[in-house]
Protein backbone atom coordinates (compact mmCIF):
# COMPACT_ATOMS: atom_id res chain seq x y z
CA MET A 1 0.00 0.00 0.00
CA ILE A 2 1.45 3.37 -1.04
CA VAL A 3 1.21 6.15 1.49
CA GLN A 4 1.16 9.90 0.98
CA SER A 5 4.53 11.63 0.92
CA GLU A 6 5.59 14.23 3.44
CA GLN A 7 8.50 16.58 3.98
CA VAL A 8 11.57 14.48 4.66
CA SER A 9 14.35 15.28 7.10
CA LEU A 10 17.18 12.80 7.69
CA LYS A 11 20.27 12.67 9.89
CA HIS A 12 21.96 9.99 7.76
CA LEU A 13 21.07 7.72 4.83
CA LEU A 14 22.68 4.34 5.39
CA THR A 15 20.18 1.63 4.39
CA VAL A 16 16.80 1.64 2.72
CA GLU A 17 15.12 -0.47 5.39
CA ALA A 18 15.77 2.33 7.89
CA LEU A 19 13.47 4.59 5.84
CA SER A 20 9.71 4.64 6.40
CA ASP A 21 7.36 4.29 3.45
CA GLN A 22 6.50 7.97 3.90
CA GLU A 23 10.17 8.93 3.65
CA VAL A 24 10.71 6.78 0.55
CA MET A 25 7.72 8.29 -1.25
CA GLY A 26 8.65 11.77 -0.05
CA LEU A 27 12.11 11.45 -1.59
CA ILE A 28 10.67 10.06 -4.84
CA HIS A 29 8.16 12.91 -5.13
CA ARG A 30 10.77 15.52 -4.26
CA GLY A 31 13.16 14.05 -6.84
CA ASN A 32 10.40 14.30 -9.41
CA ALA A 33 9.77 17.92 -8.38
CA PHE A 34 13.45 18.76 -8.87
CA LYS A 35 13.27 17.10 -12.28
CA LYS A 36 10.39 19.42 -13.16
CA GLY A 37 12.35 22.49 -12.13
CA ALA A 38 11.72 22.95 -8.41
CA ILE A 39 14.37 24.87 -6.49
CA TRP A 40 15.71 24.44 -3.00
CA LEU A 41 14.22 26.83 -0.48
CA PRO A 42 16.51 29.71 0.56
CA ARG A 43 19.31 28.51 2.82
CA LYS A 44 20.33 30.03 6.12
CA LYS A 45 24.02 29.11 5.88
CA GLN A 46 26.76 27.85 3.61
CA TYR A 47 26.96 24.06 3.29
CA PHE A 48 29.95 21.84 2.53
CA ALA A 49 29.95 18.25 1.25
CA ALA A 50 32.75 15.78 0.56
CA ASN A 51 32.48 12.74 -1.70
CA LEU A 52 34.74 10.03 -0.29
CA PHE A 53 34.97 7.24 -2.86
CA PHE A 54 37.33 4.39 -2.01
CA GLU A 55 36.00 2.20 -4.83
CA ASN A 56 35.68 3.20 -8.47
CA SER A 57 32.51 4.97 -9.52
CA THR A 58 31.24 7.07 -12.40
CA ARG A 59 27.45 7.45 -12.05
CA THR A 60 27.10 7.62 -8.26
CA HIS A 61 30.13 9.85 -7.75
CA LYS A 62 29.45 12.31 -10.55
CA SER A 63 25.68 12.48 -10.10
CA PHE A 64 26.21 13.37 -6.43
CA GLU A 65 28.64 16.07 -7.53
CA ILE A 66 26.13 17.48 -10.02
CA ALA A 67 23.33 17.27 -7.42
CA GLU A 68 25.46 19.12 -4.87
CA LYS A 69 26.34 21.86 -7.32
CA LYS A 70 22.72 22.25 -8.47
CA LEU A 71 21.79 22.84 -4.82
CA GLY A 72 24.59 25.36 -4.34
CA ILE A 73 26.53 23.14 -1.94
CA ASP A 74 30.29 23.68 -1.86
CA VAL A 75 32.04 20.43 -2.76
CA ILE A 76 35.36 19.68 -1.07
CA ASP A 77 37.77 17.89 -3.40
CA PHE A 78 38.87 14.45 -2.27
CA ALA A 79 40.74 11.68 -4.05
CA ALA A 80 41.84 8.67 -2.02
CA ALA A 81 44.94 8.22 -4.19
CA ALA A 82 46.15 11.73 -3.31
CA SER A 83 45.11 11.78 0.35
CA SER A 84 46.56 10.62 3.65
CA VAL A 85 44.87 7.28 3.00
CA GLN A 86 48.12 6.50 1.18
CA LYS A 87 49.94 7.09 4.48
CA GLY A 88 47.71 4.64 6.32
CA GLU A 89 44.90 6.95 7.43
CA SER A 90 41.74 5.01 8.24
CA LEU A 91 38.27 5.78 6.92
CA TYR A 92 37.28 6.81 10.44
CA ASP A 93 40.09 9.35 10.67
CA THR A 94 39.35 10.69 7.19
CA VAL A 95 35.71 11.33 8.14
CA LEU A 96 36.76 12.68 11.55
CA THR A 97 38.95 15.21 9.75
CA MET A 98 36.15 16.23 7.39
CA SER A 99 33.82 16.75 10.33
CA ALA A 100 36.43 18.73 12.26
CA ILE A 101 37.09 21.17 9.40
CA GLY A 102 33.39 21.90 8.97
CA VAL A 103 32.04 19.51 6.32
CA ASP A 104 28.29 19.06 6.82
CA CYS A 105 27.80 15.86 4.85
CA VAL A 106 29.99 13.06 3.47
CA VAL A 107 29.02 10.63 0.73
CA VAL A 108 31.05 7.45 1.23
CA ARG A 109 31.66 4.40 -0.95
CA HIS A 110 33.83 1.76 0.68
CA GLU A 111 34.62 -1.92 0.20
CA ASP A 112 33.73 -2.81 3.82
CA GLU A 113 30.12 -3.71 4.54
CA ASN A 114 28.54 -1.65 7.33
CA TYR A 115 31.57 0.68 7.39
CA TYR A 116 29.24 3.41 8.64
CA ASP A 117 28.51 1.83 12.04
CA GLN A 118 31.71 3.19 13.60
CA LEU A 119 31.19 6.63 12.03
CA ILE A 120 27.67 7.28 13.27
CA GLN A 121 28.42 5.95 16.75
CA SER A 122 31.26 8.40 17.30
CA PRO A 123 30.40 11.52 19.35
CA SER A 124 33.34 13.27 17.68
CA ILE A 125 31.90 12.97 14.17
CA GLN A 126 29.14 15.50 13.64
CA CYS A 127 28.75 15.40 9.86
CA SER A 128 25.97 13.36 8.25
CA VAL A 129 26.82 10.19 6.32
CA ILE A 130 25.24 9.11 3.04
CA ASN A 131 26.06 5.55 2.03
CA GLY A 132 27.22 5.52 -1.59
CA GLY A 133 27.69 1.75 -1.47
CA ASP A 134 29.23 -0.57 1.12
CA GLY A 135 30.93 -3.63 -0.35
CA SER A 136 28.23 -6.17 -1.27
CA GLY A 137 25.95 -4.67 1.36
CA GLN A 138 23.59 -1.92 0.22
CA HIS A 139 23.27 0.94 -2.22
CA PRO A 140 20.35 3.02 -0.92
CA THR A 141 20.66 5.96 -3.32
CA GLN A 142 20.68 3.65 -6.36
CA CYS A 143 17.62 1.93 -4.94
CA LEU A 144 15.80 5.25 -4.61
CA LEU A 145 16.60 6.33 -8.16
CA ASP A 146 15.43 2.92 -9.39
CA LEU A 147 12.19 3.32 -7.44
CA MET A 148 11.75 6.81 -8.86
CA THR A 149 12.18 5.43 -12.39
CA VAL A 150 9.62 2.66 -11.83
CA TYR A 151 7.14 5.04 -10.19
CA GLU A 152 7.60 7.56 -13.01
CA GLU A 153 6.67 4.81 -15.50
CA PHE A 154 3.76 3.10 -13.73
CA GLY A 155 2.56 5.51 -11.01
CA THR A 156 2.48 2.66 -8.49
CA PHE A 157 4.41 -0.33 -7.16
CA GLU A 158 1.36 -2.29 -6.08
CA GLY A 159 1.04 -5.54 -8.03
CA LEU A 160 3.93 -4.89 -10.43
CA ASN A 161 5.92 -7.96 -11.45
CA VAL A 162 9.62 -7.16 -11.13
CA ALA A 163 12.46 -9.54 -11.98
CA ILE A 164 15.98 -9.00 -10.63
CA ILE A 165 18.31 -10.97 -12.89
CA GLY A 166 22.02 -11.70 -12.74
CA ASP A 167 24.76 -11.56 -10.12
CA ILE A 168 22.40 -11.12 -7.18
CA THR A 169 24.57 -12.33 -4.30
CA HIS A 170 27.31 -9.79 -4.98
CA SER A 171 24.96 -6.90 -5.81
CA ARG A 172 24.29 -4.23 -3.19
CA VAL A 173 21.73 -2.76 -5.62
CA ALA A 174 19.77 -6.02 -5.69
CA LYS A 175 19.65 -6.27 -1.90
CA SER A 176 18.33 -2.73 -1.50
CA ASN A 177 15.80 -3.09 -4.32
CA MET A 178 14.35 -6.43 -3.27
CA GLN A 179 13.61 -5.09 0.22
CA MET A 180 11.88 -1.91 -0.88
CA LEU A 181 9.98 -3.36 -3.85
CA LYS A 182 8.51 -6.06 -1.62
CA ARG A 183 7.56 -3.51 1.04
CA LEU A 184 5.88 -1.22 -1.47
CA GLY A 185 3.68 -3.97 -2.88
CA ALA A 186 5.54 -5.33 -5.94
CA ASN A 187 5.85 -9.03 -6.72
CA VAL A 188 9.58 -9.78 -6.83
CA TYR A 189 11.21 -12.58 -8.85
CA PHE A 190 14.83 -13.62 -9.27
CA SER A 191 16.87 -15.26 -12.00
CA GLY A 192 20.48 -15.73 -13.04
CA PRO A 193 23.23 -18.25 -12.22
CA ARG A 194 22.17 -20.45 -9.30
CA GLN A 195 25.59 -20.13 -7.66
CA TRP A 196 25.03 -16.35 -7.45
CA TYR A 197 21.66 -16.72 -5.73
CA ASP A 198 21.18 -17.01 -1.97
CA PRO A 199 18.12 -18.87 -0.61
CA THR A 200 17.76 -16.18 2.06
CA PHE A 201 16.39 -13.93 -0.71
CA GLU A 202 13.23 -16.08 -0.79
CA VAL A 203 11.70 -13.93 1.93
CA TYR A 204 11.42 -11.25 -0.78
CA GLY A 205 10.64 -13.28 -3.91
CA THR A 206 10.96 -16.49 -5.90
CA TYR A 207 13.64 -17.80 -8.27
CA TYR A 208 12.76 -18.97 -11.81
CA PRO A 209 14.78 -19.58 -14.97
CA ILE A 210 14.82 -16.41 -17.07
CA ASP A 211 12.77 -17.90 -19.92
CA GLU A 212 9.91 -18.62 -17.51
CA LEU A 213 9.78 -14.97 -16.41
CA ILE A 214 10.24 -12.79 -19.49
CA SER A 215 6.68 -12.69 -20.80
CA GLN A 216 5.09 -11.95 -17.41
CA MET A 217 7.30 -9.15 -16.09
CA ASP A 218 6.58 -5.42 -15.98
CA VAL A 219 10.18 -4.57 -15.04
CA LEU A 220 13.39 -6.42 -15.84
CA MET A 221 16.22 -5.28 -13.57
CA MET A 222 19.41 -6.66 -15.11
CA LEU A 223 22.60 -6.74 -13.02
CA ARG A 224 26.27 -6.45 -13.93
CA VAL A 225 28.49 -9.48 -13.47
CA GLN A 226 30.76 -8.29 -10.65
CA HIS A 227 34.01 -9.99 -11.62
CA GLU A 228 35.93 -8.07 -8.97
CA ARG A 229 34.01 -9.92 -6.21
CA HIS A 230 34.32 -13.43 -7.70
CA ASP A 231 36.76 -16.29 -7.37
CA PRO A 232 38.49 -16.98 -10.71
CA ASP A 233 36.81 -20.41 -11.05
CA GLU A 234 33.34 -18.82 -11.00
CA SER A 235 33.70 -17.18 -14.41
CA PHE A 236 31.60 -17.64 -17.55
CA SER A 237 32.55 -16.69 -21.08
CA LYS A 238 30.69 -13.60 -22.29
CA GLN A 239 28.76 -15.54 -24.91
CA GLU A 240 27.89 -18.36 -22.51
CA TYR A 241 26.54 -15.95 -19.92
CA HIS A 242 24.57 -13.97 -22.51
CA ASN A 243 22.98 -17.10 -23.97
CA LYS A 244 22.05 -18.64 -20.62
CA PHE A 245 21.16 -15.66 -18.45
CA GLY A 246 21.24 -12.44 -20.47
CA LEU A 247 18.51 -10.38 -22.10
CA THR A 248 19.06 -11.44 -25.68
CA ILE A 249 17.22 -9.93 -28.64
CA GLU A 250 15.10 -13.09 -28.91
CA ARG A 251 14.15 -12.98 -25.24
CA ALA A 252 13.29 -9.27 -25.49
CA LYS A 253 10.75 -10.07 -28.22
CA LYS A 254 8.76 -12.00 -25.59
CA MET A 255 8.49 -9.01 -23.22
CA LYS A 256 5.16 -7.34 -22.53
CA GLN A 257 4.68 -4.30 -24.77
CA ASN A 258 4.73 -1.86 -21.85
CA ALA A 259 7.48 -3.63 -19.88
CA ILE A 260 10.72 -1.77 -19.20
CA ILE A 261 14.40 -2.73 -18.97
CA MET A 262 16.58 -1.37 -16.18
CA HIS A 263 20.24 -1.73 -15.19
CA PRO A 264 22.27 0.13 -12.51
CA ALA A 265 25.26 0.33 -14.92
CA PRO A 266 28.00 0.08 -15.95
CA VAL A 267 26.52 -2.24 -18.56
CA ASN A 268 28.51 -5.07 -20.06
CA ARG A 269 26.97 -4.88 -23.53
CA ASP A 270 26.23 -8.25 -25.10
CA VAL A 271 26.72 -9.93 -21.72
CA GLU A 272 23.76 -9.16 -19.47
CA ILE A 273 21.96 -7.15 -22.20
CA ALA A 274 22.21 -7.24 -25.98
CA ASP A 275 23.93 -4.09 -27.21
CA SER A 276 20.97 -2.88 -29.29
CA LEU A 277 18.62 -3.07 -26.28
CA VAL A 278 20.66 -0.80 -23.99
CA GLU A 279 19.28 2.36 -25.59
CA GLY A 280 16.21 0.71 -27.13
CA ILE A 281 12.59 1.84 -26.84
CA GLN A 282 11.86 -0.27 -23.75
CA SER A 283 15.10 0.63 -21.95
CA ARG A 284 15.05 3.11 -19.06
CA ILE A 285 18.78 2.87 -18.37
CA VAL A 286 19.50 6.44 -19.49
CA SER A 287 16.48 7.67 -17.48
CA GLN A 288 17.91 5.95 -14.41
CA MET A 289 21.15 7.88 -14.81
CA SER A 290 19.28 11.19 -15.18
CA ASN A 291 16.99 10.41 -12.24
CA GLY A 292 20.05 9.72 -10.12
CA VAL A 293 20.83 13.44 -10.05
CA TYR A 294 17.32 14.44 -9.00
CA VAL A 295 16.77 11.85 -6.31
CA ARG A 296 20.22 12.62 -4.87
CA MET A 297 19.23 16.29 -4.77
CA ALA A 298 16.21 15.22 -2.72
CA ILE A 299 18.42 13.15 -0.40
CA LEU A 300 20.91 15.98 0.13
CA GLU A 301 18.09 18.42 0.80
CA ALA A 302 16.58 16.04 3.38
CA ILE A 303 19.98 15.59 5.07
CA LEU A 304 20.63 19.33 5.26
CA GLN A 305 17.10 20.25 6.34
CA GLY A 306 17.97 19.62 9.95
CA LYS A 307 21.18 21.63 9.73
CA SER A 308 19.57 24.95 8.79
């Protein structure tokens, strides 16, 4: 059941399950308002943000930077390769420094799951923390932009059939999305290599071979094969993976006419999705990237609301 949105104010954004349904819908609606040209209300002070990315990123990193600049937030340059991290400085001490010099908000991507626990428990760290991805844990801002994209298309989550397909076990995006989609009333299904599927996901949905799902789905959420998190003996050839588990051109012909294709990107073309489908008529992958700016504007606004 979808509830009415309300003004959102957050201290941190760490996981999606910590958000209420009202907060989720509030962020989606505010992101949509920013997309339509809304502006942030006049600020009472100058705000500073730092984007602390310890794993590679294009979309999350740069869309946060654009969102911050659109809101008039001053962005403090940080590159792990040119920082005291190279001298052995810990994540905790990096964030402690940012807080001490007056940064209001840090966006952090780090390889350690739940890295944020130590940060938010420290009385010395006063800045807010936005989780930009923690290992194979969660990716709450990607989840929110995905939800915004689905809601923009269908106007509801109730009763939608959504398939999450691919490298599910290693995907922080998948974990965030399965939780929220289930909560908001969607029917969630899984597919992909069995060895990359965890039975604990069955609390959120059901596994089927991809060819049994295609014709019934409203949303196909394809996932990148995360080679960097695999053992070498887990690999498939590109063609083998595409034929067995990917969205091929032949499979796409069986999709419902109004069904959409999504992917958090980067996309391995002709692996999880046929190249010609990535920017095809049913794809919303480019819309996801655009919506990432607007929903992150909504998140930053909510974080800084309480600091005015």
